[in-house]
């Protein structure tokens, strides 16, 4: 019975880590897309200006947020 509990806990941890990785990867893909388009749009509306979005913590972008 103890082994069943340990196996369940281990499987749950692995599943949680997989969800966290997927969340991070999907966020970063979307962030890169948006960041690229923000730069383009800012250049258009300011006739050549430069803007950039930046993640404060690339390992955990949800903890510190983003900078503009």
PDB file of N, CA and C in Angstrom:
ATOM      1  N   UNK A   1       0.829  -1.199   0.000  1.00  0.00           N
ATOM      2  CA  UNK A   1       0.000   0.000   0.000  1.00  0.00           C
ATOM      3  C   UNK A   1       0.869   1.257   0.000  1.00  0.00           C
ATOM      4  N   UNK A   2       1.933   1.265   0.790  1.00  0.00           N
ATOM      5  CA  UNK A   2       2.827   2.418   0.835  1.00  0.00           C
ATOM      6  C   UNK A   2       3.465   2.659  -0.526  1.00  0.00           C
ATOM      7  N   UNK A   3       3.810   1.575  -1.200  1.00  0.00           N
ATOM      8  CA  UNK A   3       4.413   1.722  -2.539  1.00  0.00           C
ATOM      9  C   UNK A   3       3.418   2.317  -3.529  1.00  0.00           C
ATOM     10  N   UNK A   4       2.151   1.948  -3.382  1.00  0.00           N
ATOM     11  CA  UNK A   4       1.120   2.525  -4.253  1.00  0.00           C
ATOM     12  C   UNK A   4       1.014   4.025  -4.028  1.00  0.00           C
ATOM     13  N   UNK A   5       1.076   4.446  -2.780  1.00  0.00           N
ATOM     14  CA  UNK A   5       1.010   5.876  -2.457  1.00  0.00           C
ATOM     15  C   UNK A   5       2.232   6.608  -2.992  1.00  0.00           C
ATOM     16  N   UNK A   6       3.395   6.019  -2.819  1.00  0.00           N
ATOM     17  CA  UNK A   6       4.623   6.639  -3.310  1.00  0.00           C
ATOM     18  C   UNK A   6       4.608   6.740  -4.826  1.00  0.00           C
ATOM     19  N   UNK A   7       4.121   5.694  -5.487  1.00  0.00           N
ATOM     20  CA  UNK A   7       4.030   5.720  -6.951  1.00  0.00           C
ATOM     21  C   UNK A   7       3.052   6.792  -7.410  1.00  0.00           C
ATOM     22  N   UNK A   8       1.933   6.911  -6.698  1.00  0.00           N
ATOM     23  CA  UNK A   8       0.939   7.929  -7.040  1.00  0.00           C
ATOM     24  C   UNK A   8       1.519   9.330  -6.861  1.00  0.00           C
ATOM     25  N   UNK A   9       2.209   9.538  -5.757  1.00  0.00           N
ATOM     26  CA  UNK A   9       2.818  10.848  -5.488  1.00  0.00           C
ATOM     27  C   UNK A   9       3.850  11.173  -6.564  1.00  0.00           C
ATOM     28  N   UNK A  10       4.685  10.208  -6.912  1.00  0.00           N
ATOM     29  CA  UNK A  10       5.705  10.432  -7.933  1.00  0.00           C
ATOM     30  C   UNK A  10       5.065  10.740  -9.287  1.00  0.00           C
ATOM     31  N   UNK A  11       4.034  10.002  -9.646  1.00  0.00           N
ATOM     32  CA  UNK A  11       3.337  10.248 -10.917  1.00  0.00           C
ATOM     33  C   UNK A  11       2.692  11.626 -10.920  1.00  0.00           C
ATOM     34  N   UNK A  12       2.129  12.021  -9.786  1.00  0.00           N
ATOM     35  CA  UNK A  12       1.505  13.344  -9.680  1.00  0.00           C
ATOM     36  C   UNK A  12       2.533  14.455  -9.830  1.00  0.00           C
ATOM     37  N   UNK A  13       3.703  14.282  -9.223  1.00  0.00           N
ATOM     38  CA  UNK A  13       4.771  15.281  -9.347  1.00  0.00           C
ATOM     39  C   UNK A  13       5.235  15.410 -10.786  1.00  0.00           C
ATOM     40  N   UNK A  14       5.380  14.280 -11.462  1.00  0.00           N
ATOM     41  CA  UNK A  14       5.810  14.307 -12.865  1.00  0.00           C
ATOM     42  C   UNK A  14       4.764  14.987 -13.745  1.00  0.00           C
ATOM     43  N   UNK A  15       3.494  14.713 -13.473  1.00  0.00           N
ATOM     44  CA  UNK A  15       2.424  15.343 -14.240  1.00  0.00           C
ATOM     45  C   UNK A  15       2.396  16.854 -13.992  1.00  0.00           C
ATOM     46  N   UNK A  16       2.561  17.257 -12.745  1.00  0.00           N
ATOM     47  CA  UNK A  16       2.602  18.681 -12.416  1.00  0.00           C
ATOM     48  C   UNK A  16       3.768  19.368 -13.118  1.00  0.00           C
ATOM     49  N   UNK A  17       4.938  18.762 -13.089  1.00  0.00           N
ATOM     50  CA  UNK A  17       6.099  19.333 -13.766  1.00  0.00           C
ATOM     51  C   UNK A  17       5.881  19.434 -15.271  1.00  0.00           C
ATOM     52  N   UNK A  18       5.216  18.441 -15.852  1.00  0.00           N
ATOM     53  CA  UNK A  18       4.919  18.486 -17.293  1.00  0.00           C
ATOM     54  C   UNK A  18       3.974  19.648 -17.600  1.00  0.00           C
ATOM     55  N   UNK A  19       2.961  19.865 -16.744  1.00  0.00           N
ATOM     56  CA  UNK A  19       2.041  20.989 -16.943  1.00  0.00           C
ATOM     57  C   UNK A  19       2.763  22.325 -16.789  1.00  0.00           C
ATOM     58  N   UNK A  20       3.640  22.418 -15.811  1.00  0.00           N
ATOM     59  CA  UNK A  20       4.399  23.663 -15.618  1.00  0.00           C
ATOM     60  C   UNK A  20       5.285  23.957 -16.817  1.00  0.00           C
ATOM     61  N   UNK A  21       5.933  22.930 -17.359  1.00  0.00           N
ATOM     62  CA  UNK A  21       6.795  23.117 -18.532  1.00  0.00           C
ATOM     63  C   UNK A  21       5.964  23.544 -19.740  1.00  0.00           C
ATOM     64  N   UNK A  22       4.809  22.895 -19.932  1.00  0.00           N
ATOM     65  CA  UNK A  22       3.943  23.254 -21.055  1.00  0.00           C
ATOM     66  C   UNK A  22       3.457  24.696 -20.920  1.00  0.00           C
ATOM     67  N   UNK A  23       3.060  25.089 -19.713  1.00  0.00           N
ATOM     68  CA  UNK A  23       2.603  26.462 -19.457  1.00  0.00           C
ATOM     69  C   UNK A  23       3.711  27.456 -19.790  1.00  0.00           C
ATOM     70  N   UNK A  24       4.919  27.181 -19.328  1.00  0.00           N
ATOM     71  CA  UNK A  24       6.067  28.056 -19.583  1.00  0.00           C
ATOM     72  C   UNK A  24       6.351  28.147 -21.073  1.00  0.00           C
ATOM     73  N   UNK A  25       6.416  27.002 -21.745  1.00  0.00           N
ATOM     74  CA  UNK A  25       6.745  26.980 -23.166  1.00  0.00           C
ATOM     75  C   UNK A  25       5.698  27.721 -23.994  1.00  0.00           C
ATOM     76  N   UNK A  26       4.429  27.485 -23.702  1.00  0.00           N
ATOM     77  CA  UNK A  26       3.373  28.169 -24.454  1.00  0.00           C
ATOM     78  C   UNK A  26       3.369  29.671 -24.179  1.00  0.00           C
ATOM     79  N   UNK A  27       3.616  30.059 -22.938  1.00  0.00           N
ATOM     80  CA  UNK A  27       3.703  31.480 -22.618  1.00  0.00           C
ATOM     81  C   UNK A  27       4.848  32.132 -23.382  1.00  0.00           C
ATOM     82  N   UNK A  28       6.021  31.506 -23.361  1.00  0.00           N
ATOM     83  CA  UNK A  28       7.187  32.098 -24.023  1.00  0.00           C
ATOM     84  C   UNK A  28       6.990  32.177 -25.532  1.00  0.00           C
ATOM     85  N   UNK A  29       6.349  31.179 -26.138  1.00  0.00           N
ATOM     86  CA  UNK A  29       6.065  31.251 -27.576  1.00  0.00           C
ATOM     87  C   UNK A  29       5.135  32.421 -27.882  1.00  0.00           C
ATOM     88  N   UNK A  30       4.081  32.574 -27.103  1.00  0.00           N
ATOM     89  CA  UNK A  30       3.175  33.702 -27.289  1.00  0.00           C
ATOM     90  C   UNK A  30       3.858  35.028 -27.020  1.00  0.00           C
ATOM     91  N   UNK A  31       4.680  35.067 -25.985  1.00  0.00           N
ATOM     92  CA  UNK A  31       5.396  36.291 -25.631  1.00  0.00           C
ATOM     93  C   UNK A  31       6.324  36.725 -26.753  1.00  0.00           C
ATOM     94  N   UNK A  32       7.047  35.783 -27.345  1.00  0.00           N
ATOM     95  CA  UNK A  32       7.956  36.116 -28.449  1.00  0.00           C
ATOM     96  C   UNK A  32       7.182  36.678 -29.630  1.00  0.00           C
ATOM     97  N   UNK A  33       6.045  36.085 -29.934  1.00  0.00           N
ATOM     98  CA  UNK A  33       5.217  36.561 -31.040  1.00  0.00           C
ATOM     99  C   UNK A  33       4.735  37.990 -30.775  1.00  0.00           C
ATOM    100  N   UNK A  34       4.182  38.208 -29.591  1.00  0.00           N
ATOM    101  CA  UNK A  34       3.670  39.536 -29.232  1.00  0.00           C
ATOM    102  C   UNK A  34       4.797  40.559 -29.191  1.00  0.00           C
ATOM    103  N   UNK A  35       5.926  40.200 -28.616  1.00  0.00           N
ATOM    104  CA  UNK A  35       7.066  41.106 -28.519  1.00  0.00           C
ATOM    105  C   UNK A  35       7.531  41.565 -29.896  1.00  0.00           C
ATOM    106  N   UNK A  36       7.593  40.635 -30.824  1.00  0.00           N
ATOM    107  CA  UNK A  36       8.013  40.972 -32.193  1.00  0.00           C
ATOM    108  C   UNK A  36       7.035  41.969 -32.817  1.00  0.00           C
ATOM    109  N   UNK A  37       5.745  41.741 -32.642  1.00  0.00           N
ATOM    110  CA  UNK A  37       4.753  42.627 -33.243  1.00  0.00           C
ATOM    111  C   UNK A  37       4.655  43.972 -32.527  1.00  0.00           C
ATOM    112  N   UNK A  38       4.913  44.004 -31.229  1.00  0.00           N
ATOM    113  CA  UNK A  38       4.936  45.285 -30.518  1.00  0.00           C
ATOM    114  C   UNK A  38       6.022  46.177 -31.111  1.00  0.00           C
ATOM    115  N   UNK A  39       7.198  45.610 -31.345  1.00  0.00           N
ATOM    116  CA  UNK A  39       8.302  46.374 -31.919  1.00  0.00           C
ATOM    117  C   UNK A  39       7.918  46.930 -33.286  1.00  0.00           C
ATOM    118  N   UNK A  40       7.323  46.090 -34.132  1.00  0.00           N
ATOM    119  CA  UNK A  40       6.924  46.542 -35.468  1.00  0.00           C
ATOM    120  C   UNK A  40       5.885  47.664 -35.395  1.00  0.00           C
ATOM    121  N   UNK A  41       4.873  47.475 -34.567  1.00  0.00           N
ATOM    122  CA  UNK A  41       3.809  48.472 -34.469  1.00  0.00           C
ATOM    123  C   UNK A  41       4.324  49.784 -33.885  1.00  0.00           C
ATOM    124  N   UNK A  42       5.180  49.700 -32.902  1.00  0.00           N
ATOM    125  CA  UNK A  42       5.737  50.914 -32.303  1.00  0.00           C
ATOM    126  C   UNK A  42       6.555  51.693 -33.330  1.00  0.00           C
ATOM    127  N   UNK A  43       7.320  50.982 -34.134  1.00  0.00           N
ATOM    128  CA  UNK A  43       8.094  51.654 -35.191  1.00  0.00           C
ATOM    129  C   UNK A  43       7.181  52.361 -36.180  1.00  0.00           C
ATOM    130  N   UNK A  44       6.075  51.722 -36.514  1.00  0.00           N
ATOM    131  CA  UNK A  44       5.135  52.342 -37.454  1.00  0.00           C
ATOM    132  C   UNK A  44       4.505  53.604 -36.885  1.00  0.00           C
ATOM    133  N   UNK A  45       4.083  53.564 -35.642  1.00  0.00           N
ATOM    134  CA  UNK A  45       3.359  54.720 -35.101  1.00  0.00           C
ATOM    135  C   UNK A  45       4.287  55.839 -34.635  1.00  0.00           C
ATOM    136  N   UNK A  46       5.571  55.549 -34.472  1.00  0.00           N
ATOM    137  CA  UNK A  46       6.507  56.596 -34.034  1.00  0.00           C
ATOM    138  C   UNK A  46       7.517  56.955 -35.110  1.00  0.00           C
ATOM    139  N   UNK A  47       7.311  56.455 -36.311  1.00  0.00           N
ATOM    140  CA  UNK A  47       8.233  56.712 -37.425  1.00  0.00           C
ATOM    141  C   UNK A  47       9.676  56.327 -37.090  1.00  0.00           C
ATOM    142  N   UNK A  48       9.834  55.108 -36.600  1.00  0.00           N
ATOM    143  CA  UNK A  48      11.193  54.607 -36.392  1.00  0.00           C
ATOM    144  C   UNK A  48      11.613  54.420 -34.951  1.00  0.00           C
ATOM    145  N   UNK A  49      10.735  54.659 -34.014  1.00  0.00           N
ATOM    146  CA  UNK A  49      11.089  54.459 -32.607  1.00  0.00           C
ATOM    147  C   UNK A  49      11.326  52.985 -32.298  1.00  0.00           C
ATOM    148  N   UNK A  50      11.762  52.719 -31.109  1.00  0.00           N
ATOM    149  CA  UNK A  50      12.040  51.342 -30.730  1.00  0.00           C
ATOM    150  C   UNK A  50      11.383  51.029 -29.391  1.00  0.00           C
ATOM    151  N   UNK A  51      10.728  49.891 -29.327  1.00  0.00           N
ATOM    152  CA  UNK A  51      10.107  49.427 -28.083  1.00  0.00           C
ATOM    153  C   UNK A  51      10.407  47.945 -27.940  1.00  0.00           C
ATOM    154  N   UNK A  52      10.431  47.504 -26.707  1.00  0.00           N
ATOM    155  CA  UNK A  52      10.751  46.104 -26.474  1.00  0.00           C
ATOM    156  C   UNK A  52      10.004  45.602 -25.248  1.00  0.00           C
ATOM    157  N   UNK A  53       9.514  44.392 -25.340  1.00  0.00           N
ATOM    158  CA  UNK A  53       8.960  43.703 -24.183  1.00  0.00           C
ATOM    159  C   UNK A  53      10.047  42.767 -23.666  1.00  0.00           C
ATOM    160  N   UNK A  54      10.145  42.686 -22.367  1.00  0.00           N
ATOM    161  CA  UNK A  54      11.189  41.855 -21.777  1.00  0.00           C
ATOM    162  C   UNK A  54      10.632  41.148 -20.549  1.00  0.00           C
ATOM    163  N   UNK A  55      10.940  39.871 -20.431  1.00  0.00           N
ATOM    164  CA  UNK A  55      10.547  39.109 -19.250  1.00  0.00           C
ATOM    165  C   UNK A  55      11.601  39.348 -18.181  1.00  0.00           C
ATOM    166  N   UNK A  56      11.157  39.704 -16.971  1.00  0.00           N
ATOM    167  CA  UNK A  56      12.117  39.962 -15.894  1.00  0.00           C
ATOM    168  C   UNK A  56      12.875  38.705 -15.496  1.00  0.00           C
ATOM    169  N   UNK A  57      12.184  37.575 -15.435  1.00  0.00           N
ATOM    170  CA  UNK A  57      12.809  36.313 -15.043  1.00  0.00           C
ATOM    171  C   UNK A  57      12.440  35.260 -16.080  1.00  0.00           C
ATOM    172  N   UNK A  58      13.376  34.926 -16.982  1.00  0.00           N
ATOM    173  CA  UNK A  58      13.069  33.995 -18.056  1.00  0.00           C
ATOM    174  C   UNK A  58      12.818  32.577 -17.560  1.00  0.00           C
ATOM    175  N   UNK A  59      13.356  32.221 -16.409  1.00  0.00           N
ATOM    176  CA  UNK A  59      13.109  30.885 -15.875  1.00  0.00           C
ATOM    177  C   UNK A  59      11.703  30.770 -15.290  1.00  0.00           C
ATOM    178  N   UNK A  60      11.191  31.862 -14.740  1.00  0.00           N
ATOM    179  CA  UNK A  60       9.834  31.881 -14.198  1.00  0.00           C
ATOM    180  C   UNK A  60       9.178  33.210 -14.545  1.00  0.00           C
ATOM    181  N   UNK A  61       8.667  33.326 -15.777  1.00  0.00           N
ATOM    182  CA  UNK A  61       8.110  34.607 -16.213  1.00  0.00           C
ATOM    183  C   UNK A  61       6.850  35.013 -15.457  1.00  0.00           C
ATOM    184  N   UNK A  62       6.261  34.104 -14.698  1.00  0.00           N
ATOM    185  CA  UNK A  62       5.029  34.402 -13.975  1.00  0.00           C
ATOM    186  C   UNK A  62       5.300  35.048 -12.626  1.00  0.00           C
ATOM    187  N   UNK A  63       6.536  34.981 -12.145  1.00  0.00           N
ATOM    188  CA  UNK A  63       6.826  35.503 -10.806  1.00  0.00           C
ATOM    189  C   UNK A  63       7.064  37.008 -10.797  1.00  0.00           C
ATOM    190  N   UNK A  64       7.763  37.528 -11.783  1.00  0.00           N
ATOM    191  CA  UNK A  64       8.165  38.937 -11.779  1.00  0.00           C
ATOM    192  C   UNK A  64       7.466  39.783 -12.839  1.00  0.00           C
ATOM    193  N   UNK A  65       6.856  39.161 -13.831  1.00  0.00           N
ATOM    194  CA  UNK A  65       6.160  39.898 -14.866  1.00  0.00           C
ATOM    195  C   UNK A  65       7.050  40.303 -16.029  1.00  0.00           C
ATOM    196  N   UNK A  66       6.594  41.298 -16.798  1.00  0.00           N
ATOM    197  CA  UNK A  66       7.293  41.755 -17.989  1.00  0.00           C
ATOM    198  C   UNK A  66       7.530  43.253 -17.919  1.00  0.00           C
ATOM    199  N   UNK A  67       8.509  43.699 -18.670  1.00  0.00           N
ATOM    200  CA  UNK A  67       8.833  45.121 -18.778  1.00  0.00           C
ATOM    201  C   UNK A  67       8.535  45.589 -20.192  1.00  0.00           C
ATOM    202  N   UNK A  68       8.087  46.820 -20.325  1.00  0.00           N
ATOM    203  CA  UNK A  68       7.872  47.441 -21.632  1.00  0.00           C
ATOM    204  C   UNK A  68       8.843  48.571 -21.780  1.00  0.00           C
TER     205      UNK A  68
END
